[in-house]
Structures are given as C-alpha cells and as structure tokens.
Amino acid sequence: MGLVALSTKSKATFQLPHEARTPLAGALIAFTVAAVLAIFTNLPRGSEEADISGLAGLVEKYWDDAEAEALRAVSTNRINVLFDARRVDKDKAWALVGAMASETVAVAFLAWAMLKIV
C-alpha cells in the first residue's frame, strides 16, 4: 500500500524499479494462495456420521441381541465416525500448513523487492 501511495501522488517522483516487479508479483501470488488455503481450512466439510433413521431401525430390529454384539456394532460405528473426522481434520491441517508456507514465501518475495527498491 505504501508503494501505491508513493506512486499515485500528483507530484510523485518515485519510480518503482523494474527489478522489483517480479518479486512483488511473486508476493501477490503467494499471498493469494495463502488466502485461498486459509479460507479452505474454514469451509464446512462433510464427514461420515451415523444415520439417525438407520440407527432407529437397528434399535427396533436388534434390541434383543446379545450385549457383546451390540457393543461391537456401536464400537464399529464410533470408529468409522472418528476415522472420517480425523481425515477431514488432516486435510484442513495440511491446507493450513500450505497457507503458512505461502505466507512465508510471500514475505521473502517482499524482502527481495525491498532490497531492489532500497
């Protein structure tokens, strides 16, 4: 923003060095990638969960089954839900790592541009 302010003054004499344009473009791209990845981490994501109507039907159908069979079915369901939740969390975590890495690249590009300007 400071560069824009300097270059748009009516009597501005500041001229952006040509060598600074490439790193500034790289910074813009990297910041854009970081923003997209950061937004992705907050998007609602579908995950596997127990179907309520299906569970209600199972209760009616298997109510008289042995306790061990019921515990196995409940445990299997919980494991499936937990596995899918961890998959979604892992995807979001990698997107966040990518966003932070892109921000780091963008800052490096800005530093490079500043070295060309100063």
Protein backbone atom coordinates (compact mmCIF):
# COMPACT_ATOMS: atom_id res chain seq x y z
CA MET A 1 0.00 0.00 0.00
CA GLY A 2 2.88 2.35 0.72
CA LEU A 3 4.24 1.81 -2.79
CA VAL A 4 0.84 2.60 -4.27
CA ALA A 5 0.56 5.75 -2.16
CA LEU A 6 4.01 6.91 -3.27
CA SER A 7 3.40 6.23 -6.93
CA THR A 8 -0.04 7.88 -7.12
CA LYS A 9 0.80 11.28 -5.63
CA SER A 10 0.23 14.09 -8.08
CA LYS A 11 3.87 15.26 -7.90
CA ALA A 12 5.36 11.84 -7.24
CA THR A 13 8.88 11.26 -8.41
CA PHE A 14 9.07 7.72 -7.12
CA GLN A 15 9.58 5.19 -9.88
CA LEU A 16 9.26 1.51 -8.99
CA PRO A 17 12.45 -0.19 -10.14
CA HIS A 18 11.82 -2.73 -12.88
CA GLU A 19 13.80 -5.34 -10.89
CA ALA A 20 11.24 -5.10 -8.06
CA ARG A 21 8.26 -6.04 -10.21
CA THR A 22 8.99 -9.78 -10.34
CA PRO A 23 9.33 -10.24 -6.57
CA LEU A 24 6.25 -8.06 -5.95
CA ALA A 25 4.26 -10.20 -8.40
CA GLY A 26 5.55 -13.32 -6.62
CA ALA A 27 4.46 -11.88 -3.27
CA LEU A 28 1.00 -11.11 -4.62
CA ILE A 29 0.61 -14.64 -5.96
CA ALA A 30 1.90 -16.23 -2.74
CA PHE A 31 -0.40 -14.09 -0.56
CA THR A 32 -3.35 -15.04 -2.79
CA VAL A 33 -2.52 -18.76 -2.46
CA ALA A 34 -2.21 -18.34 1.31
CA ALA A 35 -5.60 -16.64 1.50
CA VAL A 36 -7.31 -19.35 -0.57
CA LEU A 37 -5.79 -22.12 1.55
CA ALA A 38 -6.71 -20.32 4.78
CA ILE A 39 -10.31 -19.98 3.60
CA PHE A 40 -10.32 -23.70 2.74
CA THR A 41 -9.47 -24.55 6.35
CA ASN A 42 -12.70 -22.85 7.49
CA LEU A 43 -15.04 -24.28 4.88
CA PRO A 44 -17.66 -26.64 6.26
CA ARG A 45 -16.71 -30.15 5.20
CA GLY A 46 -18.97 -33.14 5.14
CA SER A 47 -17.95 -36.11 7.19
CA GLU A 48 -19.35 -39.53 7.89
CA GLU A 49 -21.80 -39.74 10.73
CA ALA A 50 -24.40 -42.12 11.99
CA ASP A 51 -27.71 -42.05 10.11
CA ILE A 52 -30.39 -41.37 12.71
CA SER A 53 -33.22 -43.15 10.92
CA GLY A 54 -30.94 -46.12 10.24
CA LEU A 55 -29.96 -46.32 13.90
CA ALA A 56 -33.59 -46.14 14.98
CA GLY A 57 -34.38 -49.09 12.71
CA LEU A 58 -31.46 -51.07 14.10
CA VAL A 59 -32.64 -50.49 17.66
CA GLU A 60 -36.02 -51.98 16.83
CA LYS A 61 -34.64 -54.88 14.81
CA TYR A 62 -31.76 -55.94 17.09
CA TRP A 63 -32.90 -54.86 20.57
CA ASP A 64 -32.92 -58.43 21.86
CA ASP A 65 -29.42 -59.34 20.55
CA ALA A 66 -26.58 -60.17 22.91
CA GLU A 67 -24.80 -57.30 24.64
CA ALA A 68 -21.45 -58.18 23.02
CA GLU A 69 -22.95 -57.91 19.53
CA ALA A 70 -24.48 -54.53 20.35
CA LEU A 71 -21.19 -53.24 21.78
CA ARG A 72 -19.34 -54.40 18.66
CA ALA A 73 -21.82 -52.60 16.39
CA VAL A 74 -21.64 -49.38 18.43
CA SER A 75 -17.84 -49.53 18.57
CA THR A 76 -17.59 -50.11 14.81
CA ASN A 77 -19.82 -47.11 14.19
CA ARG A 78 -17.79 -44.87 16.52
CA ILE A 79 -14.51 -45.97 14.91
CA ASN A 80 -15.86 -45.14 11.44
CA VAL A 81 -17.03 -41.70 12.53
CA LEU A 82 -13.73 -40.98 14.30
CA PHE A 83 -11.67 -42.16 11.32
CA ASP A 84 -13.56 -39.85 8.95
CA ALA A 85 -13.34 -36.88 11.34
CA ARG A 86 -9.58 -37.32 11.56
CA ARG A 87 -9.36 -37.47 7.75
CA VAL A 88 -11.20 -34.15 7.47
CA ASP A 89 -9.00 -32.61 10.20
CA LYS A 90 -5.86 -33.84 8.44
CA ASP A 91 -6.96 -32.24 5.16
CA LYS A 92 -7.61 -28.95 6.93
CA ALA A 93 -4.28 -29.13 8.77
CA TRP A 94 -2.36 -29.61 5.50
CA ALA A 95 -4.21 -26.65 3.99
CA LEU A 96 -3.21 -24.53 6.99
CA VAL A 97 0.43 -25.63 6.69
CA GLY A 98 0.30 -24.71 3.00
CA ALA A 99 -1.18 -21.29 3.85
CA MET A 100 1.59 -20.59 6.36
CA ALA A 101 4.26 -21.72 3.91
CA SER A 102 2.77 -19.47 1.21
CA GLU A 103 2.82 -16.52 3.61
CA THR A 104 6.47 -17.22 4.35
CA VAL A 105 7.24 -17.26 0.62
CA ALA A 106 5.31 -14.01 0.17
CA VAL A 107 7.28 -12.29 2.92
CA ALA A 108 10.51 -13.50 1.33
CA PHE A 109 9.39 -12.04 -2.02
CA LEU A 110 8.59 -8.73 -0.31
CA ALA A 111 12.02 -8.68 1.29
CA TRP A 112 13.59 -9.33 -2.11
CA ALA A 113 11.54 -6.49 -3.63
CA MET A 114 12.59 -4.14 -0.85
CA LEU A 115 16.23 -4.97 -1.48
CA LYS A 116 15.71 -3.98 -5.12
CA ILE A 117 13.93 -0.75 -4.17
CA VAL A 118 16.28 0.44 -1.44
